[in-house]
Amino acid sequence: MAVHQRDRDGLARYAALVEGESRRCGHRLYEAFAHRAWGVLHRLEGELDPSEARLQRAISTFQRMGTRWQLGRTYAELAETTLARPDPSAAKVHFERALALFEEMGAVPNAANARQALADLG
């Protein structure tokens, strides 16, 4: 929820909590969630290199786990980070990856969001 609302305080609490649990339990999914949350928080703070690094780590973990919906969501977040640079061509690639995953799964609202983001890019 904090990610969607772009709630910085909530993101910081959530990321720290989930990261701690992932270390305590060795839970890879929690690890990836934490990386994505930190990535979004870094982007909101204008820290684009750490944002991109965290999001790439989340993508790697989600890919290994085969969690396509989470992977699509993270590609969309990475696209937002590349737009903040601004790098619209890279953002387009990431939104296209997200869209392909969402369409493959039939995640209609997520696909519509990715499609709209691509349309907004031109």
N, C-alpha and C. Protein backbone atom coordinates (compact mmCIF):
# COMPACT_ATOMS: atom_id res chain seq x y z
N MET A 1 0.82 -1.18 0.00
CA MET A 1 0.00 0.00 0.00
C MET A 1 0.87 1.26 0.00
N ALA A 2 1.93 1.25 0.81
CA ALA A 2 2.80 2.43 0.90
C ALA A 2 3.45 2.73 -0.45
N VAL A 3 3.76 1.67 -1.21
CA VAL A 3 4.37 1.87 -2.53
C VAL A 3 3.38 2.61 -3.43
N HIS A 4 2.14 2.14 -3.46
CA HIS A 4 1.13 2.75 -4.33
C HIS A 4 0.84 4.20 -3.93
N GLN A 5 0.83 4.46 -2.63
CA GLN A 5 0.52 5.80 -2.15
C GLN A 5 1.73 6.73 -2.15
N ARG A 6 2.90 6.16 -2.43
CA ARG A 6 4.15 6.94 -2.41
C ARG A 6 4.35 7.59 -1.05
N ASP A 7 4.00 6.84 0.00
CA ASP A 7 4.11 7.26 1.39
C ASP A 7 5.54 6.99 1.87
N ARG A 8 6.35 8.02 1.94
CA ARG A 8 7.77 7.85 2.28
C ARG A 8 7.98 7.23 3.66
N ASP A 9 7.27 7.73 4.66
CA ASP A 9 7.43 7.17 6.00
C ASP A 9 6.97 5.72 6.04
N GLY A 10 5.84 5.45 5.43
CA GLY A 10 5.34 4.08 5.37
C GLY A 10 6.28 3.16 4.62
N LEU A 11 6.83 3.65 3.53
CA LEU A 11 7.79 2.86 2.75
C LEU A 11 9.03 2.54 3.57
N ALA A 12 9.55 3.51 4.28
CA ALA A 12 10.75 3.29 5.09
C ALA A 12 10.48 2.25 6.18
N ARG A 13 9.34 2.35 6.85
CA ARG A 13 9.00 1.36 7.89
C ARG A 13 8.81 -0.02 7.28
N TYR A 14 8.05 -0.08 6.19
CA TYR A 14 7.77 -1.36 5.52
C TYR A 14 9.06 -2.01 5.01
N ALA A 15 9.88 -1.24 4.32
CA ALA A 15 11.12 -1.79 3.74
C ALA A 15 12.03 -2.34 4.83
N ALA A 16 12.19 -1.59 5.91
CA ALA A 16 13.05 -2.05 7.00
C ALA A 16 12.49 -3.31 7.65
N LEU A 17 11.19 -3.34 7.88
CA LEU A 17 10.55 -4.51 8.49
C LEU A 17 10.69 -5.75 7.60
N VAL A 18 10.36 -5.60 6.33
CA VAL A 18 10.41 -6.74 5.42
C VAL A 18 11.85 -7.19 5.19
N GLU A 19 12.77 -6.25 5.10
CA GLU A 19 14.18 -6.61 4.93
C GLU A 19 14.68 -7.38 6.15
N GLY A 20 14.30 -6.93 7.34
CA GLY A 20 14.69 -7.64 8.56
C GLY A 20 14.14 -9.06 8.59
N GLU A 21 12.89 -9.21 8.23
CA GLU A 21 12.27 -10.54 8.20
C GLU A 21 12.92 -11.43 7.15
N SER A 22 13.28 -10.85 6.01
CA SER A 22 13.91 -11.66 4.96
C SER A 22 15.25 -12.19 5.45
N ARG A 23 15.98 -11.37 6.18
CA ARG A 23 17.28 -11.81 6.72
C ARG A 23 17.09 -12.85 7.81
N ARG A 24 16.11 -12.61 8.68
CA ARG A 24 15.86 -13.52 9.80
C ARG A 24 15.44 -14.90 9.31
N CYS A 25 14.58 -14.92 8.30
CA CYS A 25 14.00 -16.18 7.82
C CYS A 25 14.63 -16.69 6.53
N GLY A 26 15.47 -15.90 5.89
CA GLY A 26 16.02 -16.29 4.60
C GLY A 26 14.94 -16.35 3.52
N HIS A 27 13.97 -15.47 3.61
CA HIS A 27 12.80 -15.48 2.73
C HIS A 27 13.09 -14.61 1.50
N ARG A 28 13.29 -15.25 0.36
CA ARG A 28 13.66 -14.53 -0.86
C ARG A 28 12.58 -13.58 -1.35
N LEU A 29 11.32 -13.97 -1.24
CA LEU A 29 10.25 -13.10 -1.70
C LEU A 29 10.24 -11.80 -0.89
N TYR A 30 10.38 -11.92 0.43
CA TYR A 30 10.44 -10.72 1.28
C TYR A 30 11.65 -9.86 0.89
N GLU A 31 12.76 -10.52 0.59
CA GLU A 31 13.95 -9.80 0.17
C GLU A 31 13.66 -8.94 -1.07
N ALA A 32 12.99 -9.53 -2.04
CA ALA A 32 12.66 -8.81 -3.26
C ALA A 32 11.68 -7.68 -2.98
N PHE A 33 10.69 -7.92 -2.11
CA PHE A 33 9.75 -6.85 -1.73
C PHE A 33 10.51 -5.68 -1.10
N ALA A 34 11.46 -6.00 -0.24
CA ALA A 34 12.23 -4.95 0.42
C ALA A 34 13.04 -4.16 -0.60
N HIS A 35 13.68 -4.86 -1.53
CA HIS A 35 14.46 -4.16 -2.55
C HIS A 35 13.57 -3.21 -3.36
N ARG A 36 12.37 -3.69 -3.72
CA ARG A 36 11.47 -2.82 -4.49
C ARG A 36 11.04 -1.61 -3.67
N ALA A 37 10.69 -1.84 -2.41
CA ALA A 37 10.27 -0.72 -1.56
C ALA A 37 11.39 0.29 -1.38
N TRP A 38 12.61 -0.19 -1.12
CA TRP A 38 13.75 0.74 -1.01
C TRP A 38 13.98 1.46 -2.33
N GLY A 39 13.81 0.75 -3.44
CA GLY A 39 14.00 1.37 -4.74
C GLY A 39 13.03 2.52 -4.98
N VAL A 40 11.78 2.31 -4.62
CA VAL A 40 10.78 3.38 -4.78
C VAL A 40 11.11 4.53 -3.84
N LEU A 41 11.46 4.22 -2.60
CA LEU A 41 11.80 5.27 -1.65
C LEU A 41 13.01 6.09 -2.12
N HIS A 42 14.03 5.41 -2.60
CA HIS A 42 15.19 6.14 -3.13
C HIS A 42 14.78 7.06 -4.28
N ARG A 43 13.91 6.58 -5.16
CA ARG A 43 13.47 7.42 -6.27
C ARG A 43 12.72 8.65 -5.75
N LEU A 44 11.85 8.46 -4.78
CA LEU A 44 11.11 9.58 -4.21
C LEU A 44 12.04 10.59 -3.56
N GLU A 45 13.17 10.13 -3.08
CA GLU A 45 14.16 11.01 -2.46
C GLU A 45 15.12 11.61 -3.48
N GLY A 46 14.96 11.25 -4.77
CA GLY A 46 15.82 11.77 -5.82
C GLY A 46 17.14 11.04 -5.94
N GLU A 47 17.25 9.89 -5.31
CA GLU A 47 18.47 9.08 -5.32
C GLU A 47 18.30 7.98 -6.38
N LEU A 48 18.60 8.34 -7.63
CA LEU A 48 18.25 7.48 -8.75
C LEU A 48 19.17 6.27 -8.90
N ASP A 49 20.47 6.42 -8.64
CA ASP A 49 21.36 5.26 -8.75
C ASP A 49 21.01 4.17 -7.73
N PRO A 50 20.84 4.52 -6.43
CA PRO A 50 20.43 3.48 -5.49
C PRO A 50 19.04 2.90 -5.81
N SER A 51 18.16 3.75 -6.33
CA SER A 51 16.84 3.27 -6.72
C SER A 51 16.96 2.19 -7.79
N GLU A 52 17.71 2.51 -8.83
CA GLU A 52 17.86 1.56 -9.93
C GLU A 52 18.53 0.27 -9.45
N ALA A 53 19.54 0.39 -8.61
CA ALA A 53 20.24 -0.80 -8.11
C ALA A 53 19.30 -1.70 -7.31
N ARG A 54 18.50 -1.10 -6.44
CA ARG A 54 17.56 -1.90 -5.64
C ARG A 54 16.50 -2.56 -6.53
N LEU A 55 15.98 -1.81 -7.48
CA LEU A 55 14.96 -2.37 -8.36
C LEU A 55 15.52 -3.49 -9.22
N GLN A 56 16.75 -3.35 -9.67
CA GLN A 56 17.38 -4.43 -10.45
C GLN A 56 17.57 -5.67 -9.60
N ARG A 57 17.92 -5.49 -8.33
CA ARG A 57 18.06 -6.65 -7.43
C ARG A 57 16.70 -7.34 -7.24
N ALA A 58 15.66 -6.54 -7.10
CA ALA A 58 14.32 -7.11 -6.97
C ALA A 58 13.95 -7.89 -8.24
N ILE A 59 14.24 -7.31 -9.39
CA ILE A 59 13.94 -7.97 -10.66
C ILE A 59 14.66 -9.31 -10.75
N SER A 60 15.92 -9.34 -10.39
CA SER A 60 16.69 -10.60 -10.44
C SER A 60 16.05 -11.66 -9.57
N THR A 61 15.64 -11.29 -8.38
CA THR A 61 15.03 -12.26 -7.47
C THR A 61 13.67 -12.71 -7.98
N PHE A 62 12.84 -11.77 -8.42
CA PHE A 62 11.53 -12.15 -8.95
C PHE A 62 11.68 -13.04 -10.19
N GLN A 63 12.68 -12.79 -11.03
CA GLN A 63 12.91 -13.64 -12.20
C GLN A 63 13.26 -15.06 -11.77
N ARG A 64 14.17 -15.18 -10.82
CA ARG A 64 14.57 -16.52 -10.35
C ARG A 64 13.39 -17.27 -9.75
N MET A 65 12.49 -16.53 -9.12
CA MET A 65 11.33 -17.16 -8.47
C MET A 65 10.17 -17.39 -9.44
N GLY A 66 10.21 -16.74 -10.59
CA GLY A 66 9.13 -16.90 -11.55
C GLY A 66 7.85 -16.19 -11.15
N THR A 67 7.97 -15.13 -10.37
CA THR A 67 6.79 -14.38 -9.92
C THR A 67 6.52 -13.26 -10.92
N ARG A 68 5.78 -13.59 -11.95
CA ARG A 68 5.59 -12.70 -13.09
C ARG A 68 4.89 -11.40 -12.74
N TRP A 69 3.86 -11.45 -11.90
CA TRP A 69 3.13 -10.23 -11.57
C TRP A 69 4.05 -9.28 -10.80
N GLN A 70 4.78 -9.81 -9.82
CA GLN A 70 5.72 -8.98 -9.07
C GLN A 70 6.81 -8.43 -9.99
N LEU A 71 7.23 -9.25 -10.92
CA LEU A 71 8.24 -8.82 -11.89
C LEU A 71 7.71 -7.67 -12.74
N GLY A 72 6.49 -7.79 -13.21
CA GLY A 72 5.87 -6.72 -14.00
C GLY A 72 5.75 -5.43 -13.20
N ARG A 73 5.33 -5.54 -11.95
CA ARG A 73 5.22 -4.35 -11.10
C ARG A 73 6.57 -3.68 -10.91
N THR A 74 7.61 -4.50 -10.79
CA THR A 74 8.95 -3.94 -10.56
C THR A 74 9.50 -3.31 -11.83
N TYR A 75 9.23 -3.92 -12.98
CA TYR A 75 9.62 -3.27 -14.24
C TYR A 75 8.94 -1.90 -14.38
N ALA A 76 7.69 -1.81 -13.98
CA ALA A 76 6.98 -0.53 -14.06
C ALA A 76 7.64 0.50 -13.13
N GLU A 77 8.05 0.07 -11.94
CA GLU A 77 8.74 0.99 -11.03
C GLU A 77 10.10 1.40 -11.59
N LEU A 78 10.80 0.45 -12.21
CA LEU A 78 12.08 0.78 -12.83
C LEU A 78 11.88 1.78 -13.97
N ALA A 79 10.80 1.62 -14.71
CA ALA A 79 10.49 2.58 -15.77
C ALA A 79 10.30 3.98 -15.20
N GLU A 80 9.64 4.08 -14.07
CA GLU A 80 9.44 5.38 -13.43
C GLU A 80 10.79 5.98 -13.01
N THR A 81 11.70 5.14 -12.55
CA THR A 81 13.03 5.63 -12.18
C THR A 81 13.77 6.14 -13.40
N THR A 82 13.68 5.42 -14.51
CA THR A 82 14.38 5.88 -15.71
C THR A 82 13.75 7.15 -16.26
N LEU A 83 12.45 7.32 -16.05
CA LEU A 83 11.82 8.58 -16.46
C LEU A 83 12.31 9.76 -15.62
N ALA A 84 12.64 9.49 -14.37
CA ALA A 84 13.13 10.55 -13.49
C ALA A 84 14.53 11.01 -13.89
N ARG A 85 15.26 10.23 -14.69
CA ARG A 85 16.64 10.60 -15.09
C ARG A 85 16.69 11.78 -16.04
N PRO A 86 16.00 12.10 -17.01
CA PRO A 86 14.98 11.33 -17.73
C PRO A 86 15.61 10.52 -18.87
N ASP A 87 15.10 9.31 -19.01
CA ASP A 87 15.54 8.41 -20.07
C ASP A 87 14.30 7.70 -20.63
N PRO A 88 13.53 8.41 -21.47
CA PRO A 88 12.27 7.83 -21.96
C PRO A 88 12.45 6.56 -22.78
N SER A 89 13.56 6.41 -23.48
CA SER A 89 13.74 5.18 -24.27
C SER A 89 13.90 3.97 -23.36
N ALA A 90 14.64 4.11 -22.27
CA ALA A 90 14.77 3.00 -21.31
C ALA A 90 13.43 2.75 -20.61
N ALA A 91 12.73 3.82 -20.27
CA ALA A 91 11.42 3.67 -19.63
C ALA A 91 10.48 2.89 -20.53
N LYS A 92 10.52 3.18 -21.81
CA LYS A 92 9.66 2.47 -22.76
C LYS A 92 9.95 0.98 -22.74
N VAL A 93 11.22 0.61 -22.74
CA VAL A 93 11.59 -0.81 -22.70
C VAL A 93 11.04 -1.48 -21.43
N HIS A 94 11.18 -0.81 -20.30
CA HIS A 94 10.71 -1.40 -19.04
C HIS A 94 9.18 -1.49 -18.99
N PHE A 95 8.50 -0.45 -19.47
CA PHE A 95 7.03 -0.52 -19.52
C PHE A 95 6.57 -1.61 -20.48
N GLU A 96 7.27 -1.79 -21.60
CA GLU A 96 6.91 -2.86 -22.54
C GLU A 96 7.08 -4.23 -21.90
N ARG A 97 8.14 -4.41 -21.13
CA ARG A 97 8.34 -5.69 -20.42
C ARG A 97 7.22 -5.92 -19.42
N ALA A 98 6.87 -4.87 -18.68
CA ALA A 98 5.78 -4.98 -17.72
C ALA A 98 4.48 -5.34 -18.44
N LEU A 99 4.19 -4.64 -19.52
CA LEU A 99 2.96 -4.89 -20.27
C LEU A 99 2.90 -6.32 -20.77
N ALA A 100 3.99 -6.81 -21.33
CA ALA A 100 4.00 -8.19 -21.83
C ALA A 100 3.68 -9.19 -20.72
N LEU A 101 4.27 -9.00 -19.56
CA LEU A 101 3.99 -9.90 -18.43
C LEU A 101 2.54 -9.79 -17.99
N PHE A 102 2.03 -8.58 -17.87
CA PHE A 102 0.65 -8.39 -17.42
C PHE A 102 -0.34 -8.97 -18.43
N GLU A 103 -0.09 -8.77 -19.72
CA GLU A 103 -1.00 -9.33 -20.73
C GLU A 103 -0.95 -10.86 -20.72
N GLU A 104 0.23 -11.41 -20.57
CA GLU A 104 0.39 -12.87 -20.53
C GLU A 104 -0.42 -13.48 -19.39
N MET A 105 -0.52 -12.76 -18.28
CA MET A 105 -1.25 -13.27 -17.11
C MET A 105 -2.72 -12.88 -17.09
N GLY A 106 -3.09 -11.95 -17.95
CA GLY A 106 -4.45 -11.45 -17.92
C GLY A 106 -4.69 -10.46 -16.79
N ALA A 107 -3.63 -9.80 -16.36
CA ALA A 107 -3.74 -8.78 -15.30
C ALA A 107 -4.20 -7.48 -15.96
N VAL A 108 -5.49 -7.39 -16.20
CA VAL A 108 -6.07 -6.33 -17.01
C VAL A 108 -5.80 -4.93 -16.48
N PRO A 109 -6.05 -4.64 -15.18
CA PRO A 109 -5.78 -3.27 -14.72
C PRO A 109 -4.30 -2.88 -14.83
N ASN A 110 -3.42 -3.81 -14.51
CA ASN A 110 -1.99 -3.52 -14.60
C ASN A 110 -1.57 -3.32 -16.06
N ALA A 111 -2.11 -4.14 -16.94
CA ALA A 111 -1.79 -3.98 -18.37
C ALA A 111 -2.28 -2.63 -18.88
N ALA A 112 -3.47 -2.24 -18.45
CA ALA A 112 -4.01 -0.94 -18.87
C ALA A 112 -3.12 0.21 -18.39
N ASN A 113 -2.62 0.11 -17.16
CA ASN A 113 -1.72 1.14 -16.63
C ASN A 113 -0.43 1.21 -17.44
N ALA A 114 0.14 0.05 -17.75
CA ALA A 114 1.38 0.02 -18.54
C ALA A 114 1.13 0.56 -19.95
N ARG A 115 0.00 0.17 -20.53
CA ARG A 115 -0.34 0.65 -21.87
C ARG A 115 -0.51 2.17 -21.87
N GLN A 116 -1.14 2.71 -20.82
CA GLN A 116 -1.32 4.16 -20.72
C GLN A 116 0.03 4.86 -20.54
N ALA A 117 0.91 4.28 -19.76
CA ALA A 117 2.24 4.87 -19.58
C ALA A 117 2.99 4.91 -20.89
N LEU A 118 2.87 3.85 -21.68
CA LEU A 118 3.51 3.82 -22.99
C LEU A 118 2.91 4.87 -23.92
N ALA A 119 1.60 5.00 -23.89
CA ALA A 119 0.93 6.02 -24.70
C ALA A 119 1.39 7.43 -24.31
N ASP A 120 1.55 7.64 -23.01
CA ASP A 120 1.99 8.95 -22.52
C ASP A 120 3.41 9.26 -22.99
N LEU A 121 4.21 8.21 -23.20
CA LEU A 121 5.58 8.40 -23.68
C LEU A 121 5.60 8.74 -25.17
N GLY A 122 4.51 8.43 -25.86
CA GLY A 122 4.43 8.75 -27.29
C GLY A 122 4.75 7.60 -28.12
